[in-house]
């Protein structure tokens, strides 16, 4: 798969409600996520794979659904550069929306890093 296909495969798994160890198949063992400062994480974060998988379990517990609408995608070497809109519905019915620029690095057919710039709409 090319880098965009790998990234969107992860998005589809998340939309289907996958979390925790079920997501491991998408990542290299040394994968990291880098979140740039945003409304939910003002200090940003750098998260290794094990913590990323644990966080996905927590997130799944907060949401009834989530959707990734990719509106632009480019490939530069082994990196997918995506523009997307994420919508998450909380258990209480409230909706969160973020406009995201995402850089997904790949290696050997797996995701090795995700760097994300999340711009949340007011909530």
N, C-alpha and C. Protein backbone atom coordinates (compact mmCIF):
# COMPACT_ATOMS: atom_id res chain seq x y z
N UNK A 1 0.84 -1.19 0.00
CA UNK A 1 0.00 0.00 0.00
C UNK A 1 0.87 1.24 0.00
N UNK A 2 0.38 2.28 -0.66
CA UNK A 2 1.10 3.54 -0.62
C UNK A 2 0.79 4.25 0.70
N UNK A 3 1.55 5.30 1.04
CA UNK A 3 1.35 5.97 2.34
C UNK A 3 -0.06 6.50 2.59
N UNK A 4 -0.73 7.00 1.57
CA UNK A 4 -2.10 7.50 1.76
C UNK A 4 -3.03 6.33 2.09
N UNK A 5 -2.87 5.21 1.39
CA UNK A 5 -3.69 4.04 1.68
C UNK A 5 -3.46 3.53 3.10
N UNK A 6 -2.21 3.55 3.55
CA UNK A 6 -1.91 3.12 4.93
C UNK A 6 -2.59 4.03 5.95
N UNK A 7 -2.50 5.34 5.72
CA UNK A 7 -3.13 6.30 6.63
C UNK A 7 -4.64 6.14 6.65
N UNK A 8 -5.25 6.03 5.48
CA UNK A 8 -6.70 5.91 5.45
C UNK A 8 -7.17 4.55 5.98
N UNK A 9 -6.34 3.53 5.87
CA UNK A 9 -6.66 2.25 6.47
C UNK A 9 -6.77 2.38 8.00
N UNK A 10 -5.86 3.13 8.59
CA UNK A 10 -5.93 3.40 10.02
C UNK A 10 -7.20 4.17 10.35
N UNK A 11 -7.51 5.20 9.56
CA UNK A 11 -8.72 5.99 9.81
C UNK A 11 -9.96 5.11 9.77
N UNK A 12 -10.04 4.22 8.79
CA UNK A 12 -11.22 3.34 8.66
C UNK A 12 -11.32 2.40 9.86
N UNK A 13 -10.18 1.91 10.34
CA UNK A 13 -10.20 1.03 11.52
C UNK A 13 -10.74 1.79 12.73
N UNK A 14 -10.31 3.03 12.91
CA UNK A 14 -10.79 3.85 14.02
C UNK A 14 -12.28 4.12 13.88
N UNK A 15 -12.73 4.42 12.67
CA UNK A 15 -14.15 4.65 12.44
C UNK A 15 -14.97 3.40 12.77
N UNK A 16 -14.40 2.23 12.52
CA UNK A 16 -15.09 0.96 12.78
C UNK A 16 -15.09 0.61 14.27
N UNK A 17 -14.46 1.45 15.09
CA UNK A 17 -14.46 1.23 16.52
C UNK A 17 -13.28 0.44 17.05
N UNK A 18 -12.29 0.17 16.19
CA UNK A 18 -11.11 -0.55 16.66
C UNK A 18 -10.30 0.34 17.59
N UNK A 19 -9.68 -0.30 18.59
CA UNK A 19 -8.82 0.43 19.51
C UNK A 19 -7.84 -0.56 20.14
N UNK A 20 -6.91 -0.02 20.92
CA UNK A 20 -5.96 -0.86 21.64
C UNK A 20 -5.14 -1.75 20.72
N UNK A 21 -4.90 -2.97 21.15
CA UNK A 21 -4.00 -3.88 20.43
C UNK A 21 -4.50 -4.22 19.03
N UNK A 22 -5.79 -4.05 18.76
CA UNK A 22 -6.31 -4.30 17.42
C UNK A 22 -5.69 -3.36 16.39
N UNK A 23 -5.22 -2.20 16.84
CA UNK A 23 -4.62 -1.22 15.93
C UNK A 23 -3.13 -1.48 15.68
N UNK A 24 -2.52 -2.34 16.45
CA UNK A 24 -1.08 -2.58 16.36
C UNK A 24 -0.64 -2.97 14.94
N UNK A 25 -1.50 -3.65 14.22
CA UNK A 25 -1.15 -4.13 12.88
C UNK A 25 -0.84 -3.01 11.88
N UNK A 26 -1.20 -1.78 12.24
CA UNK A 26 -0.96 -0.63 11.37
C UNK A 26 0.42 0.02 11.58
N UNK A 27 1.11 -0.34 12.67
CA UNK A 27 2.28 0.42 13.10
C UNK A 27 3.56 -0.40 13.19
N UNK A 28 4.68 0.30 13.01
CA UNK A 28 5.98 -0.28 13.32
C UNK A 28 6.11 -0.33 14.85
N UNK A 29 7.00 -1.15 15.35
CA UNK A 29 7.18 -1.30 16.80
C UNK A 29 7.66 0.00 17.46
N UNK A 30 8.35 0.85 16.70
CA UNK A 30 8.88 2.10 17.25
C UNK A 30 8.05 3.33 16.86
N UNK A 31 6.81 3.11 16.45
CA UNK A 31 5.96 4.22 16.00
C UNK A 31 5.70 5.23 17.11
N UNK A 32 5.54 6.48 16.71
CA UNK A 32 5.20 7.57 17.64
C UNK A 32 4.13 8.45 17.01
N UNK A 33 3.40 9.14 17.86
CA UNK A 33 2.49 10.19 17.42
C UNK A 33 2.97 11.49 18.04
N UNK A 34 3.04 12.53 17.22
CA UNK A 34 3.39 13.87 17.70
C UNK A 34 2.17 14.75 17.47
N UNK A 35 1.58 15.22 18.57
CA UNK A 35 0.45 16.14 18.48
C UNK A 35 0.96 17.54 18.77
N UNK A 36 0.76 18.43 17.84
CA UNK A 36 1.14 19.82 18.06
C UNK A 36 0.09 20.47 18.96
N UNK A 37 0.46 21.54 19.68
CA UNK A 37 -0.47 22.15 20.63
C UNK A 37 -1.84 22.44 20.02
N UNK A 38 -2.88 22.13 20.80
CA UNK A 38 -4.26 22.36 20.36
C UNK A 38 -5.14 22.58 21.59
N UNK A 39 -6.44 22.76 21.37
CA UNK A 39 -7.35 23.03 22.49
C UNK A 39 -7.41 21.91 23.51
N UNK A 40 -7.29 20.66 23.06
CA UNK A 40 -7.38 19.53 23.98
C UNK A 40 -6.04 19.25 24.65
N UNK A 41 -4.95 19.44 23.91
CA UNK A 41 -3.60 19.25 24.46
C UNK A 41 -2.79 20.52 24.22
N UNK A 42 -2.97 21.53 25.07
CA UNK A 42 -2.30 22.83 24.86
C UNK A 42 -0.78 22.73 24.79
N UNK A 43 -0.20 21.74 25.46
CA UNK A 43 1.24 21.57 25.43
C UNK A 43 1.71 20.61 24.34
N UNK A 44 0.76 20.07 23.58
CA UNK A 44 1.11 19.06 22.59
C UNK A 44 1.52 17.78 23.28
N UNK A 45 2.00 16.81 22.51
CA UNK A 45 2.41 15.54 23.10
C UNK A 45 3.24 14.75 22.10
N UNK A 46 4.12 13.92 22.64
CA UNK A 46 4.86 12.93 21.85
C UNK A 46 4.59 11.59 22.52
N UNK A 47 3.95 10.69 21.79
CA UNK A 47 3.43 9.46 22.39
C UNK A 47 3.98 8.23 21.67
N UNK A 48 4.66 7.34 22.40
CA UNK A 48 5.13 6.08 21.80
C UNK A 48 3.96 5.11 21.60
N UNK A 49 4.20 4.06 20.84
CA UNK A 49 3.16 3.14 20.42
C UNK A 49 2.33 2.58 21.57
N UNK A 50 2.95 2.05 22.61
CA UNK A 50 2.17 1.42 23.68
C UNK A 50 1.20 2.41 24.33
N UNK A 51 1.66 3.61 24.56
CA UNK A 51 0.79 4.64 25.14
C UNK A 51 -0.28 5.07 24.14
N UNK A 52 0.09 5.13 22.87
CA UNK A 52 -0.86 5.46 21.81
C UNK A 52 -2.02 4.46 21.79
N UNK A 53 -1.67 3.17 21.88
CA UNK A 53 -2.70 2.13 21.87
C UNK A 53 -3.59 2.22 23.12
N UNK A 54 -2.99 2.48 24.27
CA UNK A 54 -3.77 2.65 25.51
C UNK A 54 -4.68 3.87 25.40
N UNK A 55 -4.17 4.95 24.84
CA UNK A 55 -4.98 6.16 24.68
C UNK A 55 -6.16 5.92 23.74
N UNK A 56 -5.96 5.06 22.74
CA UNK A 56 -7.05 4.78 21.81
C UNK A 56 -8.20 4.07 22.53
N UNK A 57 -7.88 3.25 23.53
CA UNK A 57 -8.91 2.59 24.34
C UNK A 57 -9.70 3.64 25.13
N UNK A 58 -8.99 4.59 25.72
CA UNK A 58 -9.66 5.65 26.48
C UNK A 58 -10.56 6.47 25.57
N UNK A 59 -10.03 6.83 24.41
CA UNK A 59 -10.81 7.61 23.44
C UNK A 59 -12.05 6.89 22.98
N UNK A 60 -11.92 5.59 22.75
CA UNK A 60 -13.08 4.79 22.32
C UNK A 60 -14.16 4.79 23.39
N UNK A 61 -13.76 4.89 24.65
CA UNK A 61 -14.73 4.93 25.73
C UNK A 61 -15.48 6.25 25.84
N UNK A 62 -14.92 7.30 25.25
CA UNK A 62 -15.54 8.62 25.30
C UNK A 62 -16.47 8.89 24.12
N UNK A 63 -16.25 8.16 23.02
CA UNK A 63 -16.97 8.45 21.77
C UNK A 63 -17.96 7.35 21.41
N UNK A 64 -19.07 7.77 20.80
CA UNK A 64 -19.99 6.78 20.23
C UNK A 64 -19.65 6.54 18.76
N UNK A 65 -19.00 7.53 18.14
CA UNK A 65 -18.56 7.36 16.75
C UNK A 65 -17.53 8.43 16.42
N UNK A 66 -16.79 8.16 15.35
CA UNK A 66 -15.88 9.16 14.81
C UNK A 66 -15.77 8.94 13.31
N UNK A 67 -15.47 10.03 12.59
CA UNK A 67 -15.40 9.99 11.13
C UNK A 67 -14.23 10.85 10.67
N UNK A 68 -13.45 10.32 9.73
CA UNK A 68 -12.34 11.04 9.12
C UNK A 68 -12.69 11.30 7.66
N UNK A 69 -12.88 12.57 7.30
CA UNK A 69 -13.16 12.93 5.91
C UNK A 69 -11.91 13.58 5.32
N UNK A 70 -11.19 12.82 4.52
CA UNK A 70 -9.96 13.32 3.89
C UNK A 70 -10.36 14.13 2.66
N UNK A 71 -9.95 15.40 2.62
CA UNK A 71 -10.28 16.25 1.47
C UNK A 71 -9.08 16.54 0.59
N UNK A 72 -7.88 16.23 1.06
CA UNK A 72 -6.70 16.36 0.22
C UNK A 72 -5.63 15.39 0.70
N UNK A 73 -4.87 14.88 -0.25
CA UNK A 73 -3.83 13.91 0.09
C UNK A 73 -2.71 13.97 -0.94
N UNK A 74 -1.50 14.00 -0.44
CA UNK A 74 -0.30 13.98 -1.29
C UNK A 74 0.66 12.94 -0.74
N UNK A 75 1.50 12.42 -1.60
CA UNK A 75 2.56 11.52 -1.17
C UNK A 75 3.89 12.18 -1.48
N UNK A 76 4.77 12.21 -0.49
CA UNK A 76 6.14 12.70 -0.66
C UNK A 76 7.05 11.61 -0.11
N UNK A 77 7.63 10.82 -0.99
CA UNK A 77 8.45 9.69 -0.54
C UNK A 77 7.59 8.71 0.23
N UNK A 78 7.97 8.42 1.47
CA UNK A 78 7.21 7.50 2.31
C UNK A 78 6.24 8.19 3.24
N UNK A 79 5.90 9.46 2.94
CA UNK A 79 5.02 10.25 3.81
C UNK A 79 3.72 10.60 3.10
N UNK A 80 2.61 10.38 3.79
CA UNK A 80 1.30 10.85 3.33
C UNK A 80 1.05 12.19 4.01
N UNK A 81 0.65 13.18 3.23
CA UNK A 81 0.32 14.50 3.75
C UNK A 81 -1.18 14.67 3.51
N UNK A 82 -1.93 14.76 4.61
CA UNK A 82 -3.38 14.75 4.51
C UNK A 82 -4.00 16.01 5.09
N UNK A 83 -5.02 16.50 4.43
CA UNK A 83 -5.91 17.50 4.99
C UNK A 83 -7.22 16.81 5.25
N UNK A 84 -7.74 16.92 6.46
CA UNK A 84 -8.97 16.18 6.76
C UNK A 84 -9.81 16.89 7.80
N UNK A 85 -11.04 16.45 7.87
CA UNK A 85 -11.99 16.93 8.89
C UNK A 85 -12.35 15.71 9.73
N UNK A 86 -12.15 15.83 11.04
CA UNK A 86 -12.50 14.76 11.96
C UNK A 86 -13.74 15.18 12.73
N UNK A 87 -14.69 14.27 12.85
CA UNK A 87 -15.88 14.51 13.65
C UNK A 87 -16.01 13.37 14.64
N UNK A 88 -16.15 13.72 15.90
CA UNK A 88 -16.35 12.73 16.96
C UNK A 88 -17.62 13.04 17.72
N UNK A 89 -18.41 12.02 17.99
CA UNK A 89 -19.64 12.20 18.76
C UNK A 89 -19.40 11.62 20.15
N UNK A 90 -19.52 12.49 21.17
CA UNK A 90 -19.33 12.07 22.55
C UNK A 90 -20.54 11.27 23.04
N UNK A 91 -20.34 10.54 24.12
CA UNK A 91 -21.41 9.70 24.69
C UNK A 91 -22.66 10.52 25.06
N UNK A 92 -22.48 11.81 25.38
CA UNK A 92 -23.63 12.65 25.72
C UNK A 92 -24.28 13.29 24.49
N UNK A 93 -23.79 12.91 23.29
CA UNK A 93 -24.39 13.41 22.05
C UNK A 93 -23.73 14.65 21.47
N UNK A 94 -22.88 15.29 22.26
CA UNK A 94 -22.19 16.47 21.71
C UNK A 94 -21.21 16.06 20.63
N UNK A 95 -21.01 16.95 19.68
CA UNK A 95 -20.12 16.67 18.55
C UNK A 95 -18.87 17.54 18.63
N UNK A 96 -17.72 16.92 18.43
CA UNK A 96 -16.46 17.64 18.32
C UNK A 96 -16.03 17.61 16.86
N UNK A 97 -15.48 18.71 16.39
CA UNK A 97 -15.01 18.79 15.01
C UNK A 97 -13.61 19.40 15.01
N UNK A 98 -12.72 18.78 14.27
CA UNK A 98 -11.36 19.31 14.12
C UNK A 98 -10.98 19.30 12.64
N UNK A 99 -10.31 20.36 12.24
CA UNK A 99 -9.72 20.44 10.90
C UNK A 99 -8.24 20.13 11.10
N UNK A 100 -7.75 19.16 10.36
CA UNK A 100 -6.45 18.57 10.67
C UNK A 100 -5.53 18.54 9.46
N UNK A 101 -4.27 18.88 9.71
CA UNK A 101 -3.18 18.61 8.76
C UNK A 101 -2.40 17.47 9.41
N UNK A 102 -2.20 16.40 8.66
CA UNK A 102 -1.58 15.21 9.23
C UNK A 102 -0.48 14.71 8.30
N UNK A 103 0.65 14.40 8.90
CA UNK A 103 1.80 13.87 8.18
C UNK A 103 2.04 12.45 8.70
N UNK A 104 1.88 11.47 7.84
CA UNK A 104 1.98 10.07 8.24
C UNK A 104 3.19 9.45 7.56
N UNK A 105 4.22 9.18 8.34
CA UNK A 105 5.44 8.55 7.82
C UNK A 105 5.26 7.04 7.82
N UNK A 106 5.74 6.40 6.77
CA UNK A 106 5.62 4.95 6.66
C UNK A 106 6.98 4.32 6.41
N UNK A 107 7.06 3.05 6.81
CA UNK A 107 8.28 2.27 6.59
C UNK A 107 7.88 0.79 6.52
N UNK A 108 8.37 0.12 5.52
CA UNK A 108 8.11 -1.32 5.37
C UNK A 108 6.62 -1.66 5.41
N UNK A 109 5.80 -0.80 4.80
CA UNK A 109 4.37 -1.08 4.71
C UNK A 109 3.57 -0.81 5.97
N UNK A 110 4.18 -0.11 6.94
CA UNK A 110 3.51 0.22 8.20
C UNK A 110 3.71 1.70 8.54
N UNK A 111 2.90 2.21 9.43
CA UNK A 111 3.02 3.59 9.88
C UNK A 111 4.09 3.67 10.96
N UNK A 112 5.07 4.56 10.76
CA UNK A 112 6.15 4.71 11.73
C UNK A 112 6.01 5.99 12.57
N UNK A 113 5.26 6.97 12.05
CA UNK A 113 5.04 8.21 12.81
C UNK A 113 3.83 8.94 12.25
N UNK A 114 3.11 9.59 13.15
CA UNK A 114 2.01 10.46 12.76
C UNK A 114 2.24 11.79 13.45
N UNK A 115 2.35 12.84 12.66
CA UNK A 115 2.43 14.19 13.22
C UNK A 115 1.15 14.90 12.83
N UNK A 116 0.47 15.48 13.82
CA UNK A 116 -0.85 16.03 13.56
C UNK A 116 -1.00 17.44 14.12
N UNK A 117 -1.65 18.26 13.33
CA UNK A 117 -1.97 19.63 13.71
C UNK A 117 -3.49 19.72 13.72
N UNK A 118 -4.08 19.68 14.93
CA UNK A 118 -5.53 19.62 15.08
C UNK A 118 -6.09 20.99 15.45
N UNK A 119 -6.94 21.53 14.60
CA UNK A 119 -7.58 22.81 14.87
C UNK A 119 -9.06 22.54 15.18
N UNK A 120 -9.38 22.54 16.48
CA UNK A 120 -10.75 22.22 16.91
C UNK A 120 -11.67 23.43 16.79
N UNK A 121 -12.90 23.14 16.34
CA UNK A 121 -13.93 24.16 16.38
C UNK A 121 -14.33 24.36 17.84
N UNK A 122 -14.83 25.54 18.20
CA UNK A 122 -15.23 25.78 19.60
C UNK A 122 -16.22 24.72 20.10
N UNK A 123 -16.06 24.35 21.38
CA UNK A 123 -17.00 23.40 21.98
C UNK A 123 -17.41 23.89 23.34
